[in-house]
């Protein structure tokens, strides 16, 4: 599985997979850096299904402004 990393875009915090694959780009919107770190830990410990796989743990929110990158949010 690809590694998840934290990034900040327009003052919003997201996770993104590394390496980036052009045809499988996505972001996971996080409300805080702490939430992003918690998701990374939960994925690493298999408490949450990796977002690269079809997962019920993340739901589609919208498309990024590039119209190609899907943005997901963690299901509460």
PDB file of N, CA and C in Angstrom:
ATOM      1  N   UNK A   1       0.832  -1.182   0.000  1.00  0.00           N
ATOM      2  CA  UNK A   1       0.000   0.000   0.000  1.00  0.00           C
ATOM      3  C   UNK A   1       0.879   1.248   0.000  1.00  0.00           C
ATOM      4  N   UNK A   2       0.325   2.286  -0.571  1.00  0.00           N
ATOM      5  CA  UNK A   2       1.067   3.545  -0.622  1.00  0.00           C
ATOM      6  C   UNK A   2       1.030   4.250   0.738  1.00  0.00           C
ATOM      7  N   UNK A   3       2.085   4.982   1.004  1.00  0.00           N
ATOM      8  CA  UNK A   3       2.182   5.753   2.239  1.00  0.00           C
ATOM      9  C   UNK A   3       1.274   6.976   2.160  1.00  0.00           C
ATOM     10  N   UNK A   4       0.652   7.349   3.275  1.00  0.00           N
ATOM     11  CA  UNK A   4      -0.157   8.558   3.338  1.00  0.00           C
ATOM     12  C   UNK A   4       0.661   9.676   3.968  1.00  0.00           C
ATOM     13  N   UNK A   5       0.604  10.857   3.363  1.00  0.00           N
ATOM     14  CA  UNK A   5       1.314  12.024   3.885  1.00  0.00           C
ATOM     15  C   UNK A   5       0.356  13.185   4.042  1.00  0.00           C
ATOM     16  N   UNK A   6       0.724  14.109   4.912  1.00  0.00           N
ATOM     17  CA  UNK A   6      -0.095  15.282   5.206  1.00  0.00           C
ATOM     18  C   UNK A   6       0.345  16.450   4.335  1.00  0.00           C
ATOM     19  N   UNK A   7      -0.639  17.194   3.820  1.00  0.00           N
ATOM     20  CA  UNK A   7      -0.355  18.418   3.077  1.00  0.00           C
ATOM     21  C   UNK A   7      -1.393  19.471   3.451  1.00  0.00           C
ATOM     22  N   UNK A   8      -1.065  20.707   3.194  1.00  0.00           N
ATOM     23  CA  UNK A   8      -1.979  21.812   3.462  1.00  0.00           C
ATOM     24  C   UNK A   8      -2.205  22.547   2.144  1.00  0.00           C
ATOM     25  N   UNK A   9      -3.463  22.657   1.731  1.00  0.00           N
ATOM     26  CA  UNK A   9      -3.831  23.351   0.501  1.00  0.00           C
ATOM     27  C   UNK A   9      -4.872  24.391   0.864  1.00  0.00           C
ATOM     28  N   UNK A  10      -4.550  25.663   0.612  1.00  0.00           N
ATOM     29  CA  UNK A  10      -5.469  26.772   0.916  1.00  0.00           C
ATOM     30  C   UNK A  10      -5.980  26.687   2.359  1.00  0.00           C
ATOM     31  N   UNK A  11      -5.061  26.485   3.293  1.00  0.00           N
ATOM     32  CA  UNK A  11      -5.353  26.409   4.729  1.00  0.00           C
ATOM     33  C   UNK A  11      -6.263  25.248   5.128  1.00  0.00           C
ATOM     34  N   UNK A  12      -6.350  24.234   4.276  1.00  0.00           N
ATOM     35  CA  UNK A  12      -7.090  23.018   4.612  1.00  0.00           C
ATOM     36  C   UNK A  12      -6.096  21.868   4.657  1.00  0.00           C
ATOM     37  N   UNK A  13      -6.347  20.923   5.551  1.00  0.00           N
ATOM     38  CA  UNK A  13      -5.428  19.809   5.754  1.00  0.00           C
ATOM     39  C   UNK A  13      -5.961  18.567   5.047  1.00  0.00           C
ATOM     40  N   UNK A  14      -5.067  17.920   4.295  1.00  0.00           N
ATOM     41  CA  UNK A  14      -5.420  16.727   3.540  1.00  0.00           C
ATOM     42  C   UNK A  14      -4.348  15.663   3.712  1.00  0.00           C
ATOM     43  N   UNK A  15      -4.752  14.427   3.476  1.00  0.00           N
ATOM     44  CA  UNK A  15      -3.812  13.320   3.316  1.00  0.00           C
ATOM     45  C   UNK A  15      -3.770  12.997   1.829  1.00  0.00           C
ATOM     46  N   UNK A  16      -2.599  12.579   1.360  1.00  0.00           N
ATOM     47  CA  UNK A  16      -2.476  12.140  -0.027  1.00  0.00           C
ATOM     48  C   UNK A  16      -1.538  10.942  -0.078  1.00  0.00           C
ATOM     49  N   UNK A  17      -1.759  10.045  -1.055  1.00  0.00           N
ATOM     50  CA  UNK A  17      -0.928   8.846  -1.159  1.00  0.00           C
ATOM     51  C   UNK A  17       0.361   9.112  -1.919  1.00  0.00           C
ATOM     52  N   UNK A  18       1.441   8.470  -1.469  1.00  0.00           N
ATOM     53  CA  UNK A  18       2.748   8.577  -2.126  1.00  0.00           C
ATOM     54  C   UNK A  18       3.214   7.156  -2.450  1.00  0.00           C
ATOM     55  N   UNK A  19       3.672   6.875  -3.656  1.00  0.00           N
ATOM     56  CA  UNK A  19       3.815   7.809  -4.768  1.00  0.00           C
ATOM     57  C   UNK A  19       2.461   8.150  -5.383  1.00  0.00           C
ATOM     58  N   UNK A  20       2.378   9.336  -5.978  1.00  0.00           N
ATOM     59  CA  UNK A  20       1.149   9.779  -6.633  1.00  0.00           C
ATOM     60  C   UNK A  20       1.051   9.076  -7.979  1.00  0.00           C
ATOM     61  N   UNK A  21      -0.109   8.496  -8.237  1.00  0.00           N
ATOM     62  CA  UNK A  21      -0.363   7.840  -9.527  1.00  0.00           C
ATOM     63  C   UNK A  21      -1.408   8.672 -10.258  1.00  0.00           C
ATOM     64  N   UNK A  22      -1.087   9.069 -11.467  1.00  0.00           N
ATOM     65  CA  UNK A  22      -1.943   9.983 -12.215  1.00  0.00           C
ATOM     66  C   UNK A  22      -3.395   9.516 -12.294  1.00  0.00           C
ATOM     67  N   UNK A  23      -3.612   8.245 -12.531  1.00  0.00           N
ATOM     68  CA  UNK A  23      -4.975   7.740 -12.695  1.00  0.00           C
ATOM     69  C   UNK A  23      -5.644   7.334 -11.375  1.00  0.00           C
ATOM     70  N   UNK A  24      -4.934   7.474 -10.250  1.00  0.00           N
ATOM     71  CA  UNK A  24      -5.504   7.107  -8.940  1.00  0.00           C
ATOM     72  C   UNK A  24      -5.213   8.176  -7.895  1.00  0.00           C
ATOM     73  N   UNK A  25      -5.416   9.435  -8.286  1.00  0.00           N
ATOM     74  CA  UNK A  25      -5.154  10.539  -7.355  1.00  0.00           C
ATOM     75  C   UNK A  25      -6.373  10.774  -6.467  1.00  0.00           C
ATOM     76  N   UNK A  26      -6.119  11.002  -5.195  1.00  0.00           N
ATOM     77  CA  UNK A  26      -7.188  11.378  -4.275  1.00  0.00           C
ATOM     78  C   UNK A  26      -6.598  12.126  -3.092  1.00  0.00           C
ATOM     79  N   UNK A  27      -7.467  12.825  -2.397  1.00  0.00           N
ATOM     80  CA  UNK A  27      -7.116  13.508  -1.153  1.00  0.00           C
ATOM     81  C   UNK A  27      -8.131  13.094  -0.105  1.00  0.00           C
ATOM     82  N   UNK A  28      -7.708  13.118   1.148  1.00  0.00           N
ATOM     83  CA  UNK A  28      -8.633  12.888   2.255  1.00  0.00           C
ATOM     84  C   UNK A  28      -8.652  14.162   3.084  1.00  0.00           C
ATOM     85  N   UNK A  29      -9.799  14.807   3.152  1.00  0.00           N
ATOM     86  CA  UNK A  29      -9.937  16.035   3.918  1.00  0.00           C
ATOM     87  C   UNK A  29      -9.931  15.707   5.413  1.00  0.00           C
ATOM     88  N   UNK A  30      -9.144  16.460   6.179  1.00  0.00           N
ATOM     89  CA  UNK A  30      -9.052  16.276   7.632  1.00  0.00           C
ATOM     90  C   UNK A  30      -9.338  17.612   8.315  1.00  0.00           C
ATOM     91  N   UNK A  31      -9.997  17.559   9.450  1.00  0.00           N
ATOM     92  CA  UNK A  31     -10.339  18.789  10.165  1.00  0.00           C
ATOM     93  C   UNK A  31      -9.146  19.378  10.911  1.00  0.00           C
ATOM     94  N   UNK A  32      -8.108  18.556  11.135  1.00  0.00           N
ATOM     95  CA  UNK A  32      -6.921  19.027  11.857  1.00  0.00           C
ATOM     96  C   UNK A  32      -5.733  18.120  11.546  1.00  0.00           C
ATOM     97  N   UNK A  33      -4.557  18.597  11.889  1.00  0.00           N
ATOM     98  CA  UNK A  33      -3.349  17.780  11.734  1.00  0.00           C
ATOM     99  C   UNK A  33      -3.442  16.543  12.622  1.00  0.00           C
ATOM    100  N   UNK A  34      -4.026  16.713  13.807  1.00  0.00           N
ATOM    101  CA  UNK A  34      -4.177  15.586  14.740  1.00  0.00           C
ATOM    102  C   UNK A  34      -5.059  14.499  14.129  1.00  0.00           C
ATOM    103  N   UNK A  35      -6.153  14.899  13.480  1.00  0.00           N
ATOM    104  CA  UNK A  35      -7.016  13.910  12.835  1.00  0.00           C
ATOM    105  C   UNK A  35      -6.255  13.194  11.715  1.00  0.00           C
ATOM    106  N   UNK A  36      -5.485  13.937  10.932  1.00  0.00           N
ATOM    107  CA  UNK A  36      -4.694  13.344   9.843  1.00  0.00           C
ATOM    108  C   UNK A  36      -3.712  12.315  10.401  1.00  0.00           C
ATOM    109  N   UNK A  37      -3.019  12.667  11.466  1.00  0.00           N
ATOM    110  CA  UNK A  37      -2.060  11.741  12.087  1.00  0.00           C
ATOM    111  C   UNK A  37      -2.763  10.507  12.642  1.00  0.00           C
ATOM    112  N   UNK A  38      -3.955  10.703  13.200  1.00  0.00           N
ATOM    113  CA  UNK A  38      -4.733   9.584  13.748  1.00  0.00           C
ATOM    114  C   UNK A  38      -5.145   8.622  12.620  1.00  0.00           C
ATOM    115  N   UNK A  39      -5.583   9.172  11.476  1.00  0.00           N
ATOM    116  CA  UNK A  39      -5.963   8.332  10.340  1.00  0.00           C
ATOM    117  C   UNK A  39      -4.754   7.547   9.832  1.00  0.00           C
ATOM    118  N   UNK A  40      -3.607   8.207   9.724  1.00  0.00           N
ATOM    119  CA  UNK A  40      -2.383   7.519   9.281  1.00  0.00           C
ATOM    120  C   UNK A  40      -2.077   6.349  10.211  1.00  0.00           C
ATOM    121  N   UNK A  41      -2.158   6.591  11.526  1.00  0.00           N
ATOM    122  CA  UNK A  41      -1.891   5.523  12.503  1.00  0.00           C
ATOM    123  C   UNK A  41      -2.908   4.391  12.384  1.00  0.00           C
ATOM    124  N   UNK A  42      -4.184   4.729  12.229  1.00  0.00           N
ATOM    125  CA  UNK A  42      -5.228   3.705  12.135  1.00  0.00           C
ATOM    126  C   UNK A  42      -5.069   2.860  10.868  1.00  0.00           C
ATOM    127  N   UNK A  43      -4.678   3.485   9.777  1.00  0.00           N
ATOM    128  CA  UNK A  43      -4.432   2.737   8.537  1.00  0.00           C
ATOM    129  C   UNK A  43      -3.232   1.811   8.724  1.00  0.00           C
ATOM    130  N   UNK A  44      -2.173   2.342   9.340  1.00  0.00           N
ATOM    131  CA  UNK A  44      -0.967   1.543   9.581  1.00  0.00           C
ATOM    132  C   UNK A  44      -1.265   0.322  10.449  1.00  0.00           C
ATOM    133  N   UNK A  45      -2.152   0.490  11.429  1.00  0.00           N
ATOM    134  CA  UNK A  45      -2.491  -0.591  12.354  1.00  0.00           C
ATOM    135  C   UNK A  45      -3.662  -1.453  11.866  1.00  0.00           C
ATOM    136  N   UNK A  46      -4.123  -1.187  10.628  1.00  0.00           N
ATOM    137  CA  UNK A  46      -5.245  -1.913  10.019  1.00  0.00           C
ATOM    138  C   UNK A  46      -6.554  -1.772  10.790  1.00  0.00           C
ATOM    139  N   UNK A  47      -6.712  -0.684  11.534  1.00  0.00           N
ATOM    140  CA  UNK A  47      -7.989  -0.413  12.203  1.00  0.00           C
ATOM    141  C   UNK A  47      -8.977   0.205  11.218  1.00  0.00           C
ATOM    142  N   UNK A  48      -8.430   0.788  10.161  1.00  0.00           N
ATOM    143  CA  UNK A  48      -9.213   1.404   9.095  1.00  0.00           C
ATOM    144  C   UNK A  48      -8.674   0.860   7.783  1.00  0.00           C
ATOM    145  N   UNK A  49      -9.551   0.547   6.851  1.00  0.00           N
ATOM    146  CA  UNK A  49      -9.129   0.050   5.547  1.00  0.00           C
ATOM    147  C   UNK A  49      -8.376   1.138   4.791  1.00  0.00           C
ATOM    148  N   UNK A  50      -7.276   0.765   4.162  1.00  0.00           N
ATOM    149  CA  UNK A  50      -6.481   1.732   3.407  1.00  0.00           C
ATOM    150  C   UNK A  50      -7.345   2.347   2.308  1.00  0.00           C
ATOM    151  N   UNK A  51      -7.286   3.669   2.144  1.00  0.00           N
ATOM    152  CA  UNK A  51      -8.123   4.316   1.133  1.00  0.00           C
ATOM    153  C   UNK A  51      -7.814   3.899  -0.304  1.00  0.00           C
ATOM    154  N   UNK A  52      -6.671   3.262  -0.568  1.00  0.00           N
ATOM    155  CA  UNK A  52      -6.388   2.745  -1.908  1.00  0.00           C
ATOM    156  C   UNK A  52      -7.354   1.611  -2.267  1.00  0.00           C
ATOM    157  N   UNK A  53      -7.880   0.960  -1.262  1.00  0.00           N
ATOM    158  CA  UNK A  53      -8.817  -0.140  -1.468  1.00  0.00           C
ATOM    159  C   UNK A  53     -10.240   0.404  -1.389  1.00  0.00           C
ATOM    160  N   UNK A  54     -11.184  -0.351  -1.905  1.00  0.00           N
ATOM    161  CA  UNK A  54     -12.578   0.066  -1.752  1.00  0.00           C
ATOM    162  C   UNK A  54     -12.894  -0.031  -0.266  1.00  0.00           C
ATOM    163  N   UNK A  55     -13.296   1.083   0.314  1.00  0.00           N
ATOM    164  CA  UNK A  55     -13.432   1.150   1.763  1.00  0.00           C
ATOM    165  C   UNK A  55     -14.724   1.838   2.167  1.00  0.00           C
ATOM    166  N   UNK A  56     -15.360   1.292   3.179  1.00  0.00           N
ATOM    167  CA  UNK A  56     -16.541   1.938   3.739  1.00  0.00           C
ATOM    168  C   UNK A  56     -16.143   2.969   4.793  1.00  0.00           C
ATOM    169  N   UNK A  57     -14.839   3.094   5.065  1.00  0.00           N
ATOM    170  CA  UNK A  57     -14.365   4.029   6.085  1.00  0.00           C
ATOM    171  C   UNK A  57     -14.262   5.463   5.559  1.00  0.00           C
ATOM    172  N   UNK A  58     -14.277   5.633   4.244  1.00  0.00           N
ATOM    173  CA  UNK A  58     -14.148   6.962   3.644  1.00  0.00           C
ATOM    174  C   UNK A  58     -15.265   7.155   2.629  1.00  0.00           C
ATOM    175  N   UNK A  59     -15.840   8.356   2.609  1.00  0.00           N
ATOM    176  CA  UNK A  59     -16.907   8.626   1.651  1.00  0.00           C
ATOM    177  C   UNK A  59     -16.508   9.779   0.736  1.00  0.00           C
ATOM    178  N   UNK A  60     -16.965   9.696  -0.504  1.00  0.00           N
ATOM    179  CA  UNK A  60     -16.655  10.706  -1.507  1.00  0.00           C
ATOM    180  C   UNK A  60     -17.319  12.022  -1.119  1.00  0.00           C
ATOM    181  N   UNK A  61     -16.553  13.103  -1.183  1.00  0.00           N
ATOM    182  CA  UNK A  61     -17.060  14.429  -0.826  1.00  0.00           C
ATOM    183  C   UNK A  61     -17.281  15.273  -2.077  1.00  0.00           C
ATOM    184  N   UNK A  62     -16.235  15.432  -2.886  1.00  0.00           N
ATOM    185  CA  UNK A  62     -16.309  16.280  -4.076  1.00  0.00           C
ATOM    186  C   UNK A  62     -15.069  16.049  -4.928  1.00  0.00           C
ATOM    187  N   UNK A  63     -14.985  16.766  -6.038  1.00  0.00           N
ATOM    188  CA  UNK A  63     -13.771  16.765  -6.849  1.00  0.00           C
ATOM    189  C   UNK A  63     -12.954  18.005  -6.530  1.00  0.00           C
ATOM    190  N   UNK A  64     -11.650  17.861  -6.575  1.00  0.00           N
ATOM    191  CA  UNK A  64     -10.736  18.990  -6.409  1.00  0.00           C
ATOM    192  C   UNK A  64     -10.924  19.925  -7.605  1.00  0.00           C
ATOM    193  N   UNK A  65     -10.407  21.135  -7.509  1.00  0.00           N
ATOM    194  CA  UNK A  65     -10.559  22.106  -8.598  1.00  0.00           C
ATOM    195  C   UNK A  65      -9.938  21.634  -9.912  1.00  0.00           C
ATOM    196  N   UNK A  66      -9.029  20.651  -9.866  1.00  0.00           N
ATOM    197  CA  UNK A  66      -8.447  20.122 -11.109  1.00  0.00           C
ATOM    198  C   UNK A  66      -9.415  19.200 -11.843  1.00  0.00           C
ATOM    199  N   UNK A  67     -10.560  18.913 -11.234  1.00  0.00           N
ATOM    200  CA  UNK A  67     -11.624  18.070 -11.804  1.00  0.00           C
ATOM    201  C   UNK A  67     -11.215  16.611 -12.022  1.00  0.00           C
ATOM    202  N   UNK A  68     -10.079  16.198 -11.465  1.00  0.00           N
ATOM    203  CA  UNK A  68      -9.621  14.821 -11.608  1.00  0.00           C
ATOM    204  C   UNK A  68      -9.402  14.148 -10.259  1.00  0.00           C
ATOM    205  N   UNK A  69      -8.974  14.924  -9.289  1.00  0.00           N
ATOM    206  CA  UNK A  69      -8.639  14.372  -7.991  1.00  0.00           C
ATOM    207  C   UNK A  69      -9.884  14.299  -7.114  1.00  0.00           C
ATOM    208  N   UNK A  70     -10.207  13.098  -6.654  1.00  0.00           N
ATOM    209  CA  UNK A  70     -11.360  12.927  -5.775  1.00  0.00           C
ATOM    210  C   UNK A  70     -10.971  13.301  -4.358  1.00  0.00           C
ATOM    211  N   UNK A  71     -11.896  13.925  -3.647  1.00  0.00           N
ATOM    212  CA  UNK A  71     -11.684  14.260  -2.240  1.00  0.00           C
ATOM    213  C   UNK A  71     -12.653  13.440  -1.410  1.00  0.00           C
ATOM    214  N   UNK A  72     -12.089  12.747  -0.421  1.00  0.00           N
ATOM    215  CA  UNK A  72     -12.870  11.925   0.488  1.00  0.00           C
ATOM    216  C   UNK A  72     -12.813  12.504   1.893  1.00  0.00           C
ATOM    217  N   UNK A  73     -13.726  12.059   2.731  1.00  0.00           N
ATOM    218  CA  UNK A  73     -13.717  12.436   4.138  1.00  0.00           C
ATOM    219  C   UNK A  73     -13.918  11.142   4.933  1.00  0.00           C
ATOM    220  N   UNK A  74     -13.350  11.118   6.117  1.00  0.00           N
ATOM    221  CA  UNK A  74     -13.494   9.932   6.992  1.00  0.00           C
ATOM    222  C   UNK A  74     -14.923   9.844   7.472  1.00  0.00           C
ATOM    223  N   UNK A  75     -15.501   8.686   7.347  1.00  0.00           N
ATOM    224  CA  UNK A  75     -16.860   8.445   7.815  1.00  0.00           C
ATOM    225  C   UNK A  75     -16.871   8.485   9.331  1.00  0.00           C
ATOM    226  N   UNK A  76     -17.832   9.213   9.900  1.00  0.00           N
ATOM    227  CA  UNK A  76     -17.861   9.303  11.367  1.00  0.00           C
ATOM    228  C   UNK A  76     -18.557   8.147  12.011  1.00  0.00           C
TER     229      UNK A  76
END
